[in-house]
Amino acid sequence: MQVYRCPVPTRKSGATDVVCWWAMSRLLAASAMFLRPLGPHHGGFPSAFDNPLFRLLNSSTFWALLGVVVGPCLCYRGLQLLRLKRMVMDTPRSTVRAAALGNVEIAGTACGPYVLTAPLSKKDCFYYRLIVWVRRDNRRERFVEERFAPLFLDDGTGRMLIDPRRARLNFESTTGGAGDSIGHALQRHGYMTDEPEEIREFSIEPGAKLFAFGALRENAGTRDEPAGPYLSAEEADFQRREVLPTLDPEVPSGAVLEGAESFDLHRPVVLMKGPGPFVLSNSSYREVVEGLAWKSSTLITAGALWFAVGVWQAVSRLA
């Protein structure tokens, strides 16, 4: 049985975010050295403002130099958000029948020939992503397990095959504690059943409303090997029995759905991760990025002004 790893469904941090967080951490680390009184003081409590940190924060030179460094980073981040917004808004909303190769957004309902069982919620699903944080040797570690059966989106005009790997999931997650099914996942990744601290689960259930934003590409799979490492019907049956050990071994587990023979796993095209964002959500991705206009304008304007003031201050002091 195969186990697949995938990224946690959180917003990706850009280079600008890394620089900003690094600068902030360095500033906070240095504050421990600055937060000490200067010179002799009378009384039990020295003045809180008589220390190098507050003098530094009150210095126009400090803010000028910080603006020279941080200003371009804010502008770059704002331009990134603006570029993302324009790309998403320029991507056409299409139907399955009329979809063309390239970036596309399609809305419909999730369907497929057979299902798995989500380990935490015990619900039938075509796809689940399990994120587990564990405590080992006083360190907090994390692993991600992703499993899926063939996932299709049906909008009434046709069915679109989806490869959900590396997708950003905008769904409500389920949280809970470890159980027998989670214990199997922990063992697959080399952890003990008493080590998990936090567990989150995302899943796509049959009939769920689904918005898919991604790249429509030609299916690279052959007639013998469809694109995407989907669990087979036999593996799905085994997975369901692993999560639901009370199932009668003498009868089918219920993994195969009615009408399974009508699904073609060798579709000529597949919706998957491309150079742009790949999002599976219960609402349109356009609604998410519509609010980026004011945010990108604010970052670009603030960054440019801060940089200009910082350069002007630096030049005036050197003149």
Protein backbone atom coordinates (compact mmCIF):
# COMPACT_ATOMS: atom_id res chain seq x y z
CA MET A 1 0.00 0.00 0.00
CA GLN A 2 1.34 3.38 -0.97
CA VAL A 3 1.49 6.54 1.13
CA TYR A 4 1.87 9.95 -0.48
CA ARG A 5 3.19 13.15 1.01
CA CYS A 6 1.98 16.63 0.20
CA PRO A 7 2.39 20.22 1.44
CA VAL A 8 0.27 21.58 4.28
CA PRO A 9 -2.60 23.65 2.92
CA THR A 10 -1.47 27.01 4.09
CA ARG A 11 -0.59 30.20 2.29
CA LYS A 12 2.87 30.00 0.80
CA SER A 13 5.27 32.55 2.13
CA GLY A 14 7.10 34.55 -0.48
CA ALA A 15 10.69 35.75 -0.32
CA THR A 16 9.46 39.04 1.06
CA ASP A 17 7.74 37.38 3.99
CA VAL A 18 10.92 35.47 4.79
CA VAL A 19 13.00 38.66 4.80
CA CYS A 20 10.47 40.49 6.97
CA TRP A 21 10.22 37.66 9.47
CA TRP A 22 14.00 37.32 9.59
CA ALA A 23 14.45 41.05 10.27
CA MET A 24 11.80 40.95 12.98
CA SER A 25 13.36 37.93 14.69
CA ARG A 26 16.77 39.58 14.65
CA LEU A 27 15.31 42.75 16.14
CA LEU A 28 13.54 40.81 18.89
CA ALA A 29 16.67 38.83 19.66
CA ALA A 30 18.71 42.02 19.94
CA SER A 31 16.12 43.61 22.23
CA ALA A 32 17.14 41.30 25.06
CA MET A 33 20.54 42.95 25.01
CA PHE A 34 19.15 46.49 24.78
CA LEU A 35 16.49 46.19 27.48
CA ARG A 36 18.71 47.18 30.37
CA PRO A 37 19.06 50.49 32.24
CA LEU A 38 21.85 52.92 31.35
CA GLY A 39 23.94 54.71 33.93
CA PRO A 40 23.16 55.19 37.61
CA HIS A 41 19.51 55.28 38.68
CA HIS A 42 17.93 56.30 41.93
CA GLY A 43 15.10 54.32 43.42
CA GLY A 44 14.05 50.72 43.02
CA PHE A 45 12.65 51.04 39.48
CA PRO A 46 14.84 52.63 36.77
CA SER A 47 13.18 54.53 33.97
CA ALA A 48 11.82 52.09 31.36
CA PHE A 49 12.55 54.56 28.59
CA ASP A 50 16.20 55.12 29.51
CA ASN A 51 17.66 52.24 27.50
CA PRO A 52 19.21 51.76 24.04
CA LEU A 53 16.16 50.01 22.52
CA PHE A 54 13.80 52.94 22.97
CA ARG A 55 16.51 55.34 21.86
CA LEU A 56 16.95 53.26 18.71
CA LEU A 57 13.21 53.19 18.01
CA ASN A 58 13.11 56.95 18.50
CA SER A 59 15.89 57.51 15.97
CA SER A 60 14.90 58.76 12.52
CA THR A 61 18.10 57.28 11.09
CA PHE A 62 17.03 53.80 12.16
CA TRP A 63 13.64 54.11 10.47
CA ALA A 64 15.25 55.60 7.36
CA LEU A 65 17.66 52.69 6.98
CA LEU A 66 14.88 50.22 7.72
CA GLY A 67 12.76 51.82 5.01
CA VAL A 68 15.57 51.47 2.46
CA VAL A 69 15.62 47.72 3.17
CA VAL A 70 11.96 46.92 3.86
CA GLY A 71 10.37 49.36 1.37
CA PRO A 72 11.38 47.42 -1.77
CA CYS A 73 10.29 44.17 -0.09
CA LEU A 74 6.81 45.59 0.53
CA CYS A 75 6.60 46.79 -3.07
CA TYR A 76 7.64 43.38 -4.37
CA ARG A 77 5.05 41.62 -2.22
CA GLY A 78 2.36 44.04 -3.39
CA LEU A 79 3.26 43.40 -7.03
CA GLN A 80 3.06 39.64 -6.40
CA LEU A 81 -0.46 39.97 -5.01
CA LEU A 82 -1.49 42.23 -7.89
CA ARG A 83 -0.13 39.74 -10.43
CA LEU A 84 -2.00 36.89 -8.70
CA LYS A 85 -5.25 38.85 -8.71
CA ARG A 86 -4.98 39.71 -12.40
CA MET A 87 -4.13 36.14 -13.36
CA VAL A 88 -7.09 34.71 -11.44
CA MET A 89 -9.56 37.34 -12.68
CA ASP A 90 -8.36 36.81 -16.27
CA THR A 91 -8.83 33.03 -16.02
CA PRO A 92 -12.16 32.09 -17.60
CA ARG A 93 -14.91 30.29 -15.71
CA SER A 94 -15.69 27.33 -17.93
CA THR A 95 -17.78 24.21 -18.19
CA VAL A 96 -16.28 20.76 -18.49
CA ARG A 97 -17.42 20.41 -22.09
CA ALA A 98 -16.01 23.79 -23.20
CA ALA A 99 -12.78 23.77 -21.12
CA ALA A 100 -9.56 24.44 -23.05
CA LEU A 101 -6.00 23.57 -22.10
CA GLY A 102 -4.44 26.08 -19.73
CA ASN A 103 -5.59 27.76 -16.52
CA VAL A 104 -9.29 27.27 -15.90
CA GLU A 105 -11.86 27.38 -13.11
CA ILE A 106 -14.68 24.83 -13.08
CA ALA A 107 -17.52 24.37 -10.60
CA GLY A 108 -19.56 21.25 -9.99
CA THR A 109 -19.98 18.33 -7.61
CA ALA A 110 -17.45 15.71 -6.57
CA CYS A 111 -18.00 12.18 -7.86
CA GLY A 112 -16.07 9.01 -8.61
CA PRO A 113 -16.27 5.25 -9.05
CA TYR A 114 -15.31 4.26 -5.49
CA VAL A 115 -14.53 5.88 -2.15
CA LEU A 116 -12.15 5.75 0.78
CA THR A 117 -12.88 6.38 4.46
CA ALA A 118 -11.40 9.45 6.14
CA PRO A 119 -9.42 8.20 9.18
CA LEU A 120 -10.50 10.90 11.63
CA SER A 121 -14.11 11.69 10.68
CA LYS A 122 -14.89 8.16 9.42
CA LYS A 123 -16.74 9.69 6.45
CA ASP A 124 -16.78 8.38 2.89
CA CYS A 125 -14.54 10.49 0.68
CA PHE A 126 -12.65 10.49 -2.59
CA TYR A 127 -9.69 12.28 -1.06
CA TYR A 128 -8.31 13.03 2.39
CA ARG A 129 -5.31 14.89 3.72
CA LEU A 130 -4.23 14.08 7.25
CA ILE A 131 -1.89 16.48 9.08
CA VAL A 132 -0.47 15.26 12.39
CA TRP A 133 1.78 17.11 14.83
CA VAL A 134 3.69 14.87 17.25
CA ARG A 135 5.99 15.46 20.20
CA ARG A 136 9.23 13.52 20.14
CA ASP A 137 12.38 14.21 22.19
CA ASN A 138 11.00 17.62 23.23
CA ARG A 139 10.62 18.57 19.57
CA ARG A 140 7.40 19.20 17.70
CA GLU A 141 7.36 17.33 14.40
CA ARG A 142 4.76 17.05 11.67
CA PHE A 143 3.86 14.63 8.96
CA VAL A 144 1.25 14.75 6.20
CA GLU A 145 -0.51 11.78 4.67
CA GLU A 146 -2.53 12.13 1.48
CA ARG A 147 -4.61 9.37 -0.12
CA PHE A 148 -7.19 9.50 -2.86
CA ALA A 149 -9.38 7.50 -5.16
CA PRO A 150 -10.15 8.75 -8.70
CA LEU A 151 -11.77 12.17 -8.25
CA PHE A 152 -14.07 13.70 -10.86
CA LEU A 153 -15.95 16.99 -11.03
CA ASP A 154 -19.38 16.83 -12.66
CA ASP A 155 -21.03 20.11 -13.75
CA GLY A 156 -23.86 18.62 -15.82
CA THR A 157 -22.03 19.01 -19.14
CA GLY A 158 -19.45 16.31 -18.46
CA ARG A 159 -16.92 14.98 -15.97
CA MET A 160 -13.43 16.36 -15.36
CA LEU A 161 -10.70 14.15 -13.91
CA ILE A 162 -8.72 15.88 -11.14
CA ASP A 163 -5.27 15.04 -9.82
CA PRO A 164 -5.50 16.59 -6.31
CA ARG A 165 -1.81 16.38 -5.41
CA ARG A 166 -0.25 19.67 -4.22
CA ALA A 167 -3.63 21.41 -4.17
CA ARG A 168 -4.42 24.21 -1.74
CA LEU A 169 -7.56 23.14 0.10
CA ASN A 170 -10.03 25.82 1.15
CA PHE A 171 -12.31 23.59 3.20
CA GLU A 172 -13.31 23.34 6.82
CA SER A 173 -11.04 20.88 8.59
CA THR A 174 -11.84 18.24 11.21
CA THR A 175 -9.75 18.05 14.38
CA GLY A 176 -9.59 15.31 16.97
CA GLY A 177 -7.51 12.82 18.88
CA ALA A 178 -5.74 9.65 17.93
CA GLY A 179 -7.66 6.43 17.37
CA ASP A 180 -7.06 3.03 15.86
CA SER A 181 -7.17 4.40 12.29
CA ILE A 182 -4.84 7.27 13.19
CA GLY A 183 -2.61 4.71 14.88
CA HIS A 184 -2.12 2.95 11.54
CA ALA A 185 -1.11 6.26 9.94
CA LEU A 186 1.30 7.00 12.80
CA GLN A 187 2.92 3.60 12.44
CA ARG A 188 3.33 4.07 8.69
CA HIS A 189 5.40 7.17 9.42
CA GLY A 190 7.40 5.65 12.29
CA TYR A 191 5.61 7.25 15.27
CA MET A 192 3.96 5.83 18.38
CA THR A 193 0.23 6.06 18.98
CA ASP A 194 0.71 8.13 22.17
CA GLU A 195 2.82 10.85 20.50
CA PRO A 196 0.31 13.02 18.55
CA GLU A 197 -0.47 16.51 19.91
CA GLU A 198 -2.75 17.83 17.17
CA ILE A 199 -4.54 16.23 14.22
CA ARG A 200 -6.29 17.93 11.32
CA GLU A 201 -8.11 16.32 8.45
CA PHE A 202 -9.36 17.69 5.12
CA SER A 203 -11.57 15.57 2.88
CA ILE A 204 -13.69 15.76 -0.28
CA GLU A 205 -16.90 13.78 0.12
CA PRO A 206 -19.25 12.43 -2.57
CA GLY A 207 -21.68 15.06 -3.79
CA ALA A 208 -19.71 17.93 -2.22
CA LYS A 209 -19.87 21.29 -3.99
CA LEU A 210 -16.45 21.79 -5.56
CA PHE A 211 -14.68 24.70 -7.22
CA ALA A 212 -11.45 23.70 -8.95
CA PHE A 213 -8.91 26.29 -10.12
CA GLY A 214 -5.83 24.89 -11.82
CA ALA A 215 -4.13 23.91 -15.05
CA LEU A 216 -5.92 21.69 -17.56
CA ARG A 217 -3.30 19.48 -19.22
CA GLU A 218 -3.11 16.45 -21.42
CA ASN A 219 -3.26 13.20 -19.49
CA ALA A 220 0.25 11.79 -19.54
CA GLY A 221 -0.94 8.34 -18.43
CA THR A 222 -1.24 5.38 -20.75
CA ARG A 223 -4.17 3.02 -21.14
CA ASP A 224 -2.52 0.80 -18.52
CA GLU A 225 -1.47 3.53 -16.09
CA PRO A 226 -3.74 6.58 -15.70
CA ALA A 227 -2.21 9.86 -14.54
CA GLY A 228 -2.12 10.19 -10.77
CA PRO A 229 -1.21 7.51 -8.18
CA TYR A 230 -4.83 6.74 -7.27
CA LEU A 231 -5.60 3.87 -4.98
CA SER A 232 -7.17 0.98 -6.86
CA ALA A 233 -10.58 -0.36 -5.92
CA GLU A 234 -8.90 -3.25 -4.08
CA GLU A 235 -6.65 -0.85 -2.15
CA ALA A 236 -9.66 1.33 -1.34
CA ASP A 237 -11.47 -1.73 0.03
CA PHE A 238 -8.45 -2.55 2.22
CA GLN A 239 -8.19 1.06 3.41
CA ARG A 240 -11.84 1.12 4.44
CA ARG A 241 -11.47 -2.10 6.42
CA GLU A 242 -8.37 -0.69 8.11
CA VAL A 243 -10.27 2.41 9.25
CA LEU A 244 -13.51 0.50 9.99
CA PRO A 245 -12.38 -2.82 11.48
CA THR A 246 -16.00 -3.78 12.35
CA LEU A 247 -16.85 -4.35 8.66
CA ASP A 248 -17.81 -7.92 7.83
CA PRO A 249 -14.88 -9.48 5.93
CA GLU A 250 -17.28 -11.79 4.09
CA VAL A 251 -19.16 -8.97 2.29
CA PRO A 252 -17.96 -5.99 0.20
CA SER A 253 -16.89 -2.96 2.19
CA GLY A 254 -19.04 -0.56 0.19
CA ALA A 255 -16.11 1.18 -1.47
CA VAL A 256 -17.43 0.76 -5.02
CA LEU A 257 -20.31 3.11 -5.79
CA GLU A 258 -23.29 2.60 -8.02
CA GLY A 259 -22.51 3.45 -11.64
CA ALA A 260 -18.76 2.94 -11.19
CA GLU A 261 -18.49 1.37 -14.64
CA SER A 262 -19.46 4.69 -16.28
CA PHE A 263 -16.26 6.43 -15.14
CA ASP A 264 -13.33 6.55 -17.55
CA LEU A 265 -10.03 6.68 -15.64
CA HIS A 266 -8.13 7.34 -18.88
CA ARG A 267 -9.53 10.75 -19.69
CA PRO A 268 -7.55 12.66 -22.37
CA VAL A 269 -7.11 15.69 -20.08
CA VAL A 270 -6.70 16.13 -16.33
CA LEU A 271 -6.95 19.18 -14.04
CA MET A 272 -3.83 19.42 -11.92
CA LYS A 273 -1.10 21.64 -10.48
CA GLY A 274 0.51 23.97 -13.00
CA PRO A 275 2.79 27.02 -12.80
CA GLY A 276 -0.01 29.03 -11.19
CA PRO A 277 -2.16 28.36 -8.11
CA PHE A 278 -4.03 25.10 -7.78
CA VAL A 279 -7.02 25.41 -5.45
CA LEU A 280 -9.84 23.03 -4.52
CA SER A 281 -12.51 24.87 -2.58
CA ASN A 282 -16.18 25.03 -1.70
CA SER A 283 -16.31 28.63 -2.99
CA SER A 284 -14.91 30.40 -6.03
CA TYR A 285 -11.23 31.37 -5.85
CA ARG A 286 -12.20 34.66 -7.50
CA GLU A 287 -13.98 35.66 -4.30
CA VAL A 288 -10.77 35.08 -2.36
CA VAL A 289 -8.54 37.23 -4.57
CA GLU A 290 -11.02 40.09 -5.07
CA GLY A 291 -9.87 41.56 -1.76
CA LEU A 292 -6.23 41.61 -2.87
CA ALA A 293 -6.63 44.89 -4.80
CA TRP A 294 -6.56 47.16 -1.77
CA LYS A 295 -3.91 45.05 -0.06
CA SER A 296 -1.54 45.16 -3.03
CA SER A 297 -2.10 48.92 -3.50
CA THR A 298 -1.40 49.53 0.18
CA LEU A 299 1.81 47.50 0.15
CA ILE A 300 3.09 49.12 -3.05
CA THR A 301 2.28 52.67 -1.91
CA ALA A 302 3.59 52.22 1.62
CA GLY A 303 6.76 50.50 0.42
CA ALA A 304 7.51 53.16 -2.18
CA LEU A 305 6.92 56.04 0.25
CA TRP A 306 8.96 54.41 3.00
CA PHE A 307 11.83 53.73 0.60
CA ALA A 308 11.74 57.29 -0.80
CA VAL A 309 11.72 58.87 2.68
CA GLY A 310 14.51 56.54 3.80
CA VAL A 311 16.71 57.43 0.82
CA TRP A 312 16.00 61.15 1.29
CA GLN A 313 16.93 60.95 4.98
CA ALA A 314 20.10 59.01 4.25
CA VAL A 315 21.23 61.37 1.48
CA SER A 316 20.47 64.48 3.54
CA ARG A 317 22.59 63.20 6.43
CA LEU A 318 25.48 62.33 4.16
CA ALA A 319 25.38 65.70 2.36
